[in-house]
Amino acid sequence: MTDSTATIIRAQWIGLRFGLGAILAALLLLAVCFAVSVGAVPLPLSTVWAVILDRMLPGINAPDVSTGMANIIWQIRLPRVILAGLVGAGLGMVGAALQSVTRNPLADPHLLGISSGGAFGAIAALLHTGMFIGAMTVPLMAFSGALIATLLVLGVARISGATSADRLVLTGVAVSFIIMACANILIFLGDPKATHTVVFWMLGGLGLAQWSHLLWPLAVLLPCGLWLWAQAGRLNAMSLGDETAASLGIEVGRFRLTVFVVAALITGVMVAFSGLIGFVGLIMPHLVRLVVGGDNLRVLPASGWSGAVFLICADALARIVMAPEDVPMGVITGLCGGLFFIWMMARRR
């Protein structure tokens, strides 16, 4: 192969990647616009575009859109949809990383107890401790709870000798049950007037999303997601086994713990603003691997993208299936996760 031929092939490959990226970005934007347009009050896509362009580019006016309709789009639905995308992307990437670092196809922040720990911390902040450090209280408490739950799972697994993939998931499920029992005690002992909101929040929901809420998930997802993507090579080595990873110079124990801490940080912050939303991190990486293969250099960003699109569409479905009431997001994702479990078992059989 001559140098000119190699240059042409490389240019075509780069062009193909940029083209694919543009198509995926367009599909994500289409999902956002669709989710904003549906709800108890359906809105045409032209109106959605007019309001968004009017707010982003003030020189473009939207004279035919009423103030109330513009507020529904810009102040209520658009922040909610963007938060759904951030949460879905974060959980999808966390699931892909955990499945690689544990060599467990069932690894998921929900099944390993990380989400339950985040919920426990957030409930303690909402019902008992109060906002002692302002707006950062709930995210910080949720991260602390997720981190403690992660350390508990790892500690119990080490003490009980649960080193296999299946036993690690069973350990996570057991710890998750214990933590959720403690969370229920906090709800029982809390203010009865606030428990209704907390219970709905435990089922997962994005109805309280505001523009100011988007800063924290974005500030955590960007650096942590980029760090996980940068570790794609190490995650590939870990998926081949601890011995293989160690032979390549990776400090297996330290790297696995670091990935768990990053996963706890992402999950804790997402749970703080969306409640308990399970199975996104389980479903998306498996579906993505069927398309792009097992290389985490492609699996991680693809899992983030597919998780964002999935949760945006799930949020749209939650708002229209029993309109004008919102179905809790956890109900939608739990139903999808259960069906996916059945499909996985049938496929592996």
Protein backbone atom coordinates (compact mmCIF):
# COMPACT_ATOMS: atom_id res chain seq x y z
CA MET A 1 0.00 0.00 0.00
CA THR A 2 1.46 3.34 -1.06
CA ASP A 3 1.53 6.43 1.13
CA SER A 4 -1.04 8.19 -1.05
CA THR A 5 -3.45 5.24 -0.81
CA ALA A 6 -3.04 5.12 2.96
CA THR A 7 -3.69 8.87 3.17
CA ILE A 8 -6.88 8.52 1.10
CA ILE A 9 -8.12 5.63 3.24
CA ARG A 10 -7.35 7.56 6.42
CA ALA A 11 -9.18 10.63 5.11
CA GLN A 12 -12.19 8.51 4.14
CA TRP A 13 -12.22 6.91 7.59
CA ILE A 14 -12.08 10.30 9.29
CA GLY A 15 -14.85 11.58 7.04
CA LEU A 16 -16.96 8.52 7.84
CA ARG A 17 -16.50 9.06 11.56
CA PHE A 18 -17.45 12.73 11.32
CA GLY A 19 -20.45 11.85 9.20
CA LEU A 20 -21.58 9.22 11.70
CA GLY A 21 -21.09 11.69 14.55
CA ALA A 22 -23.22 14.26 12.73
CA ILE A 23 -25.98 11.69 12.17
CA LEU A 24 -25.97 10.66 15.85
CA ALA A 25 -26.04 14.31 16.96
CA ALA A 26 -28.97 14.96 14.62
CA LEU A 27 -30.86 11.96 15.99
CA LEU A 28 -30.25 13.15 19.56
CA LEU A 29 -31.49 16.63 18.66
CA LEU A 30 -34.55 15.11 17.00
CA ALA A 31 -35.28 13.10 20.16
CA VAL A 32 -34.99 16.27 22.27
CA CYS A 33 -37.38 18.20 20.04
CA PHE A 34 -39.86 15.31 19.96
CA ALA A 35 -39.80 14.98 23.76
CA VAL A 36 -40.35 18.72 24.20
CA SER A 37 -43.30 18.71 21.79
CA VAL A 38 -45.29 15.91 23.49
CA GLY A 39 -47.10 15.99 26.80
CA ALA A 40 -50.44 16.93 28.31
CA VAL A 41 -50.48 19.85 25.86
CA PRO A 42 -49.04 18.69 22.49
CA LEU A 43 -47.06 21.35 20.67
CA PRO A 44 -45.99 21.40 17.01
CA LEU A 45 -42.29 21.05 16.28
CA SER A 46 -42.29 24.40 14.48
CA THR A 47 -43.37 26.10 17.70
CA VAL A 48 -40.68 24.31 19.69
CA TRP A 49 -37.99 25.40 17.22
CA ALA A 50 -39.32 28.96 17.18
CA VAL A 51 -39.16 29.31 20.96
CA ILE A 52 -35.71 27.70 21.27
CA LEU A 53 -34.25 29.87 18.51
CA ASP A 54 -35.90 32.96 19.99
CA ARG A 55 -34.30 32.31 23.39
CA MET A 56 -30.88 31.32 22.02
CA LEU A 57 -30.78 33.99 19.30
CA PRO A 58 -32.78 36.98 20.59
CA GLY A 59 -32.75 38.61 17.16
CA ILE A 60 -35.12 35.90 15.91
CA ASN A 61 -38.63 36.63 17.13
CA ALA A 62 -41.49 34.19 17.58
CA PRO A 63 -44.53 36.50 17.30
CA ASP A 64 -47.12 33.72 16.98
CA VAL A 65 -46.16 31.97 20.24
CA SER A 66 -47.93 33.01 23.42
CA THR A 67 -46.01 33.72 26.61
CA GLY A 68 -47.55 30.75 28.38
CA MET A 69 -46.63 28.36 25.60
CA ALA A 70 -43.09 29.74 25.47
CA ASN A 71 -42.73 29.23 29.22
CA ILE A 72 -43.96 25.63 28.95
CA ILE A 73 -41.31 24.91 26.34
CA TRP A 74 -38.38 26.85 27.77
CA GLN A 75 -38.92 26.76 31.53
CA ILE A 76 -40.56 23.35 32.04
CA ARG A 77 -40.05 20.86 29.25
CA LEU A 78 -36.63 21.72 27.83
CA PRO A 79 -34.76 21.59 31.19
CA ARG A 80 -36.51 18.32 31.95
CA VAL A 81 -35.52 16.78 28.63
CA ILE A 82 -31.91 17.94 28.92
CA LEU A 83 -31.70 16.53 32.45
CA ALA A 84 -33.06 13.22 31.13
CA GLY A 85 -30.31 13.20 28.52
CA LEU A 86 -27.59 13.91 31.08
CA VAL A 87 -28.84 11.26 33.49
CA GLY A 88 -29.22 8.68 30.73
CA ALA A 89 -25.75 9.38 29.37
CA GLY A 90 -24.17 9.17 32.82
CA LEU A 91 -25.88 5.91 33.77
CA GLY A 92 -25.12 4.36 30.39
CA MET A 93 -21.40 5.11 30.64
CA VAL A 94 -21.26 3.94 34.27
CA GLY A 95 -22.90 0.65 33.33
CA ALA A 96 -20.43 0.04 30.50
CA ALA A 97 -17.44 0.80 32.75
CA LEU A 98 -18.70 -1.39 35.61
CA GLN A 99 -19.38 -4.32 33.31
CA SER A 100 -15.82 -4.14 32.00
CA VAL A 101 -14.02 -3.59 35.29
CA THR A 102 -15.94 -6.41 37.03
CA ARG A 103 -16.16 -8.74 34.01
CA ASN A 104 -19.84 -9.02 34.86
CA PRO A 105 -22.53 -8.61 32.17
CA LEU A 106 -25.09 -7.84 34.88
CA ALA A 107 -23.10 -5.05 36.54
CA ASP A 108 -25.22 -1.93 36.85
CA PRO A 109 -25.30 0.95 39.36
CA HIS A 110 -28.81 -0.13 40.35
CA LEU A 111 -28.01 -3.82 40.88
CA LEU A 112 -24.69 -3.16 42.65
CA GLY A 113 -26.36 -0.95 45.25
CA ILE A 114 -24.76 2.31 44.13
CA SER A 115 -28.10 3.90 43.25
CA SER A 116 -29.60 2.75 46.56
CA GLY A 117 -26.74 4.37 48.46
CA GLY A 118 -27.27 7.61 46.56
CA ALA A 119 -30.98 7.48 47.36
CA PHE A 120 -30.24 6.94 51.05
CA GLY A 121 -27.97 9.98 51.18
CA ALA A 122 -30.45 12.16 49.31
CA ILE A 123 -33.35 11.07 51.55
CA ALA A 124 -31.30 11.84 54.66
CA ALA A 125 -30.62 15.33 53.32
CA LEU A 126 -34.22 16.02 52.26
CA LEU A 127 -35.93 14.76 55.43
CA HIS A 128 -33.43 15.00 58.28
CA THR A 129 -30.23 17.01 57.90
CA GLY A 130 -31.62 19.92 55.90
CA MET A 131 -29.70 21.99 53.36
CA PHE A 132 -26.75 22.69 55.64
CA ILE A 133 -24.46 23.69 52.75
CA GLY A 134 -27.06 25.07 50.40
CA ALA A 135 -27.81 23.64 46.96
CA MET A 136 -24.83 21.28 47.14
CA THR A 137 -26.25 19.38 50.12
CA VAL A 138 -28.33 16.82 48.22
CA PRO A 139 -25.69 16.03 45.54
CA LEU A 140 -22.96 15.76 48.18
CA MET A 141 -25.03 13.53 50.45
CA ALA A 142 -26.09 11.40 47.48
CA PHE A 143 -22.47 10.95 46.40
CA SER A 144 -21.46 10.09 49.97
CA GLY A 145 -24.21 7.48 50.18
CA ALA A 146 -23.28 6.00 46.80
CA LEU A 147 -19.60 5.84 47.77
CA ILE A 148 -20.37 4.17 51.12
CA ALA A 149 -22.60 1.63 49.38
CA THR A 150 -19.83 0.90 46.87
CA LEU A 151 -17.29 0.34 49.65
CA LEU A 152 -19.78 -1.88 51.48
CA VAL A 153 -20.31 -4.05 48.41
CA LEU A 154 -16.56 -4.41 47.86
CA GLY A 155 -15.93 -5.07 51.56
CA VAL A 156 -18.66 -7.69 51.92
CA ALA A 157 -17.54 -9.35 48.69
CA ARG A 158 -13.96 -9.57 49.95
CA ILE A 159 -14.93 -10.84 53.42
CA SER A 160 -17.31 -13.48 52.05
CA GLY A 161 -14.96 -14.49 49.26
CA ALA A 162 -17.47 -13.53 46.58
CA THR A 163 -14.91 -13.02 43.86
CA SER A 164 -16.90 -14.43 40.93
CA ALA A 165 -19.03 -12.21 38.72
CA ASP A 166 -22.35 -13.75 39.74
CA ARG A 167 -21.60 -13.60 43.48
CA LEU A 168 -20.56 -9.96 43.20
CA VAL A 169 -23.98 -9.10 41.78
CA LEU A 170 -25.68 -11.10 44.54
CA THR A 171 -23.63 -9.16 47.09
CA GLY A 172 -24.70 -5.88 45.50
CA VAL A 173 -28.35 -6.92 45.54
CA ALA A 174 -28.12 -7.91 49.22
CA VAL A 175 -26.46 -4.63 50.19
CA SER A 176 -29.02 -2.74 48.12
CA PHE A 177 -31.89 -4.37 50.04
CA ILE A 178 -30.30 -3.44 53.36
CA ILE A 179 -29.70 0.16 52.31
CA MET A 180 -33.23 0.56 50.96
CA ALA A 181 -34.59 -0.83 54.23
CA CYS A 182 -32.64 1.86 56.07
CA ALA A 183 -33.94 4.46 53.61
CA ASN A 184 -37.50 3.35 54.30
CA ILE A 185 -36.85 3.82 58.01
CA LEU A 186 -35.70 7.38 57.30
CA ILE A 187 -38.92 8.00 55.38
CA PHE A 188 -41.00 6.51 58.20
CA LEU A 189 -39.30 8.75 60.77
CA GLY A 190 -39.40 11.86 58.57
CA ASP A 191 -41.94 14.64 58.23
CA PRO A 192 -45.21 13.12 56.91
CA LYS A 193 -45.82 16.23 54.79
CA ALA A 194 -42.58 15.67 52.88
CA THR A 195 -42.74 11.90 52.51
CA HIS A 196 -45.08 12.01 49.49
CA THR A 197 -42.52 13.97 47.49
CA VAL A 198 -39.70 11.68 48.59
CA VAL A 199 -41.63 8.52 47.72
CA PHE A 200 -42.36 9.85 44.22
CA TRP A 201 -38.71 10.83 43.93
CA MET A 202 -37.66 7.28 44.90
CA LEU A 203 -39.65 5.99 41.94
CA GLY A 204 -37.68 8.26 39.63
CA GLY A 205 -38.91 11.47 38.07
CA LEU A 206 -37.74 14.63 36.34
CA GLY A 207 -40.74 16.84 36.98
CA LEU A 208 -38.81 19.22 39.26
CA ALA A 209 -36.05 19.92 36.73
CA GLN A 210 -34.88 23.53 36.41
CA TRP A 211 -32.12 25.22 34.45
CA SER A 212 -30.16 25.72 37.66
CA HIS A 213 -30.26 21.95 38.29
CA LEU A 214 -28.41 21.14 35.08
CA LEU A 215 -25.10 22.60 36.25
CA TRP A 216 -24.23 19.81 38.70
CA PRO A 217 -24.90 16.78 36.46
CA LEU A 218 -23.08 18.48 33.58
CA ALA A 219 -20.11 19.48 35.77
CA VAL A 220 -19.73 15.87 36.95
CA LEU A 221 -20.52 14.04 33.72
CA LEU A 222 -18.08 15.91 31.49
CA PRO A 223 -14.82 15.31 33.41
CA CYS A 224 -15.77 11.87 34.74
CA GLY A 225 -17.10 10.69 31.38
CA LEU A 226 -13.98 11.89 29.59
CA TRP A 227 -11.82 10.17 32.21
CA LEU A 228 -13.65 6.87 31.72
CA TRP A 229 -13.29 7.23 27.95
CA ALA A 230 -9.56 7.89 28.36
CA GLN A 231 -9.31 4.61 30.33
CA ALA A 232 -10.87 2.58 27.51
CA GLY A 233 -7.66 0.62 26.94
CA ARG A 234 -7.36 -0.32 30.61
CA LEU A 235 -11.04 -1.27 30.75
CA ASN A 236 -10.50 -3.53 27.74
CA ALA A 237 -7.61 -5.20 29.58
CA MET A 238 -9.68 -5.58 32.75
CA SER A 239 -12.45 -7.27 30.77
CA LEU A 240 -9.93 -9.96 29.81
CA GLY A 241 -9.12 -10.80 33.43
CA ASP A 242 -7.08 -9.52 36.34
CA GLU A 243 -4.03 -11.56 35.34
CA THR A 244 -3.99 -10.12 31.83
CA ALA A 245 -4.46 -6.59 33.15
CA ALA A 246 -1.67 -7.04 35.71
CA SER A 247 0.68 -8.37 33.03
CA LEU A 248 0.10 -5.13 31.12
CA GLY A 249 1.23 -3.06 34.10
CA ILE A 250 -2.19 -2.13 35.50
CA GLU A 251 -2.58 -1.96 39.28
CA VAL A 252 -5.79 -3.97 39.26
CA GLY A 253 -7.05 -3.25 42.78
CA ARG A 254 -6.36 0.47 42.68
CA PHE A 255 -7.79 0.92 39.19
CA ARG A 256 -10.97 -1.02 40.01
CA LEU A 257 -11.47 1.07 43.16
CA THR A 258 -10.92 4.30 41.19
CA VAL A 259 -13.52 3.27 38.61
CA PHE A 260 -15.97 2.43 41.39
CA VAL A 261 -15.43 5.86 43.00
CA VAL A 262 -15.97 7.64 39.66
CA ALA A 263 -19.08 5.51 39.08
CA ALA A 264 -20.35 6.40 42.56
CA LEU A 265 -19.76 10.10 41.89
CA ILE A 266 -21.68 10.07 38.61
CA THR A 267 -24.49 7.88 39.97
CA GLY A 268 -24.84 9.83 43.21
CA VAL A 269 -25.22 13.18 41.47
CA MET A 270 -27.64 11.77 38.88
CA VAL A 271 -29.76 10.14 41.58
CA ALA A 272 -29.82 13.41 43.52
CA PHE A 273 -31.68 15.13 40.67
CA SER A 274 -33.64 12.30 39.07
CA GLY A 275 -34.39 9.82 41.82
CA LEU A 276 -33.94 6.07 41.44
CA ILE A 277 -33.82 5.17 37.76
CA GLY A 278 -32.63 1.65 37.23
CA PHE A 279 -31.52 -0.62 34.40
CA VAL A 280 -30.31 2.10 32.00
CA GLY A 281 -26.71 1.13 32.73
CA LEU A 282 -27.58 -2.54 32.24
CA ILE A 283 -29.50 -2.34 28.97
CA MET A 284 -27.61 0.22 26.91
CA PRO A 285 -24.07 -1.27 26.94
CA HIS A 286 -25.37 -4.67 25.83
CA LEU A 287 -27.37 -3.22 22.96
CA VAL A 288 -24.44 -1.04 21.95
CA ARG A 289 -22.01 -3.99 21.88
CA LEU A 290 -24.24 -5.75 19.39
CA VAL A 291 -23.59 -2.86 16.98
CA VAL A 292 -20.08 -1.51 17.67
CA GLY A 293 -18.34 -4.53 19.20
CA GLY A 294 -16.58 -4.83 22.54
CA ASP A 295 -13.95 -2.08 22.33
CA ASN A 296 -14.69 0.42 25.11
CA LEU A 297 -13.28 3.21 22.96
CA ARG A 298 -16.56 2.91 21.04
CA VAL A 299 -18.77 1.29 23.68
CA LEU A 300 -18.46 4.09 26.27
CA PRO A 301 -19.52 7.06 24.08
CA ALA A 302 -22.12 4.93 22.30
CA SER A 303 -23.56 3.84 25.68
CA GLY A 304 -23.73 7.48 26.76
CA TRP A 305 -25.50 8.48 23.55
CA SER A 306 -27.96 5.59 23.59
CA GLY A 307 -28.65 6.10 27.30
CA ALA A 308 -29.47 9.76 26.67
CA VAL A 309 -31.82 8.95 23.77
CA PHE A 310 -33.47 6.11 25.70
CA LEU A 311 -34.18 8.17 28.82
CA ILE A 312 -35.40 11.15 26.77
CA CYS A 313 -37.87 8.88 24.97
CA ALA A 314 -38.82 7.19 28.25
CA ASP A 315 -39.54 10.59 29.79
CA ALA A 316 -41.72 11.49 26.81
CA LEU A 317 -43.62 8.22 27.23
CA ALA A 318 -44.01 8.86 30.97
CA ARG A 319 -45.72 12.18 30.20
CA ILE A 320 -48.18 10.92 27.60
CA VAL A 321 -49.17 7.42 28.72
CA MET A 322 -51.41 8.74 31.56
CA ALA A 323 -51.60 12.43 30.66
CA PRO A 324 -51.95 14.85 32.36
CA GLU A 325 -50.35 12.78 35.17
CA ASP A 326 -46.66 11.83 34.96
CA VAL A 327 -45.84 8.15 35.32
CA PRO A 328 -42.72 7.75 37.53
CA MET A 329 -39.65 7.22 35.38
CA GLY A 330 -38.60 4.17 37.39
CA VAL A 331 -41.78 2.38 36.29
CA ILE A 332 -40.88 2.80 32.61
CA THR A 333 -37.22 1.81 32.99
CA GLY A 334 -38.09 -1.04 35.38
CA LEU A 335 -40.52 -2.51 32.86
CA CYS A 336 -37.94 -2.23 30.08
CA GLY A 337 -35.25 -3.68 32.34
CA GLY A 338 -37.37 -6.67 33.34
CA LEU A 339 -38.19 -7.49 29.72
CA PHE A 340 -34.52 -7.09 28.84
CA PHE A 341 -33.53 -9.52 31.60
CA ILE A 342 -35.92 -12.11 30.17
CA TRP A 343 -34.52 -11.55 26.68
CA MET A 344 -30.95 -11.91 27.95
CA MET A 345 -31.70 -15.18 29.72
CA ALA A 346 -33.45 -16.59 26.66
CA ARG A 347 -30.60 -15.50 24.40
CA ARG A 348 -27.86 -16.95 26.65
CA ARG A 349 -29.78 -20.22 26.99
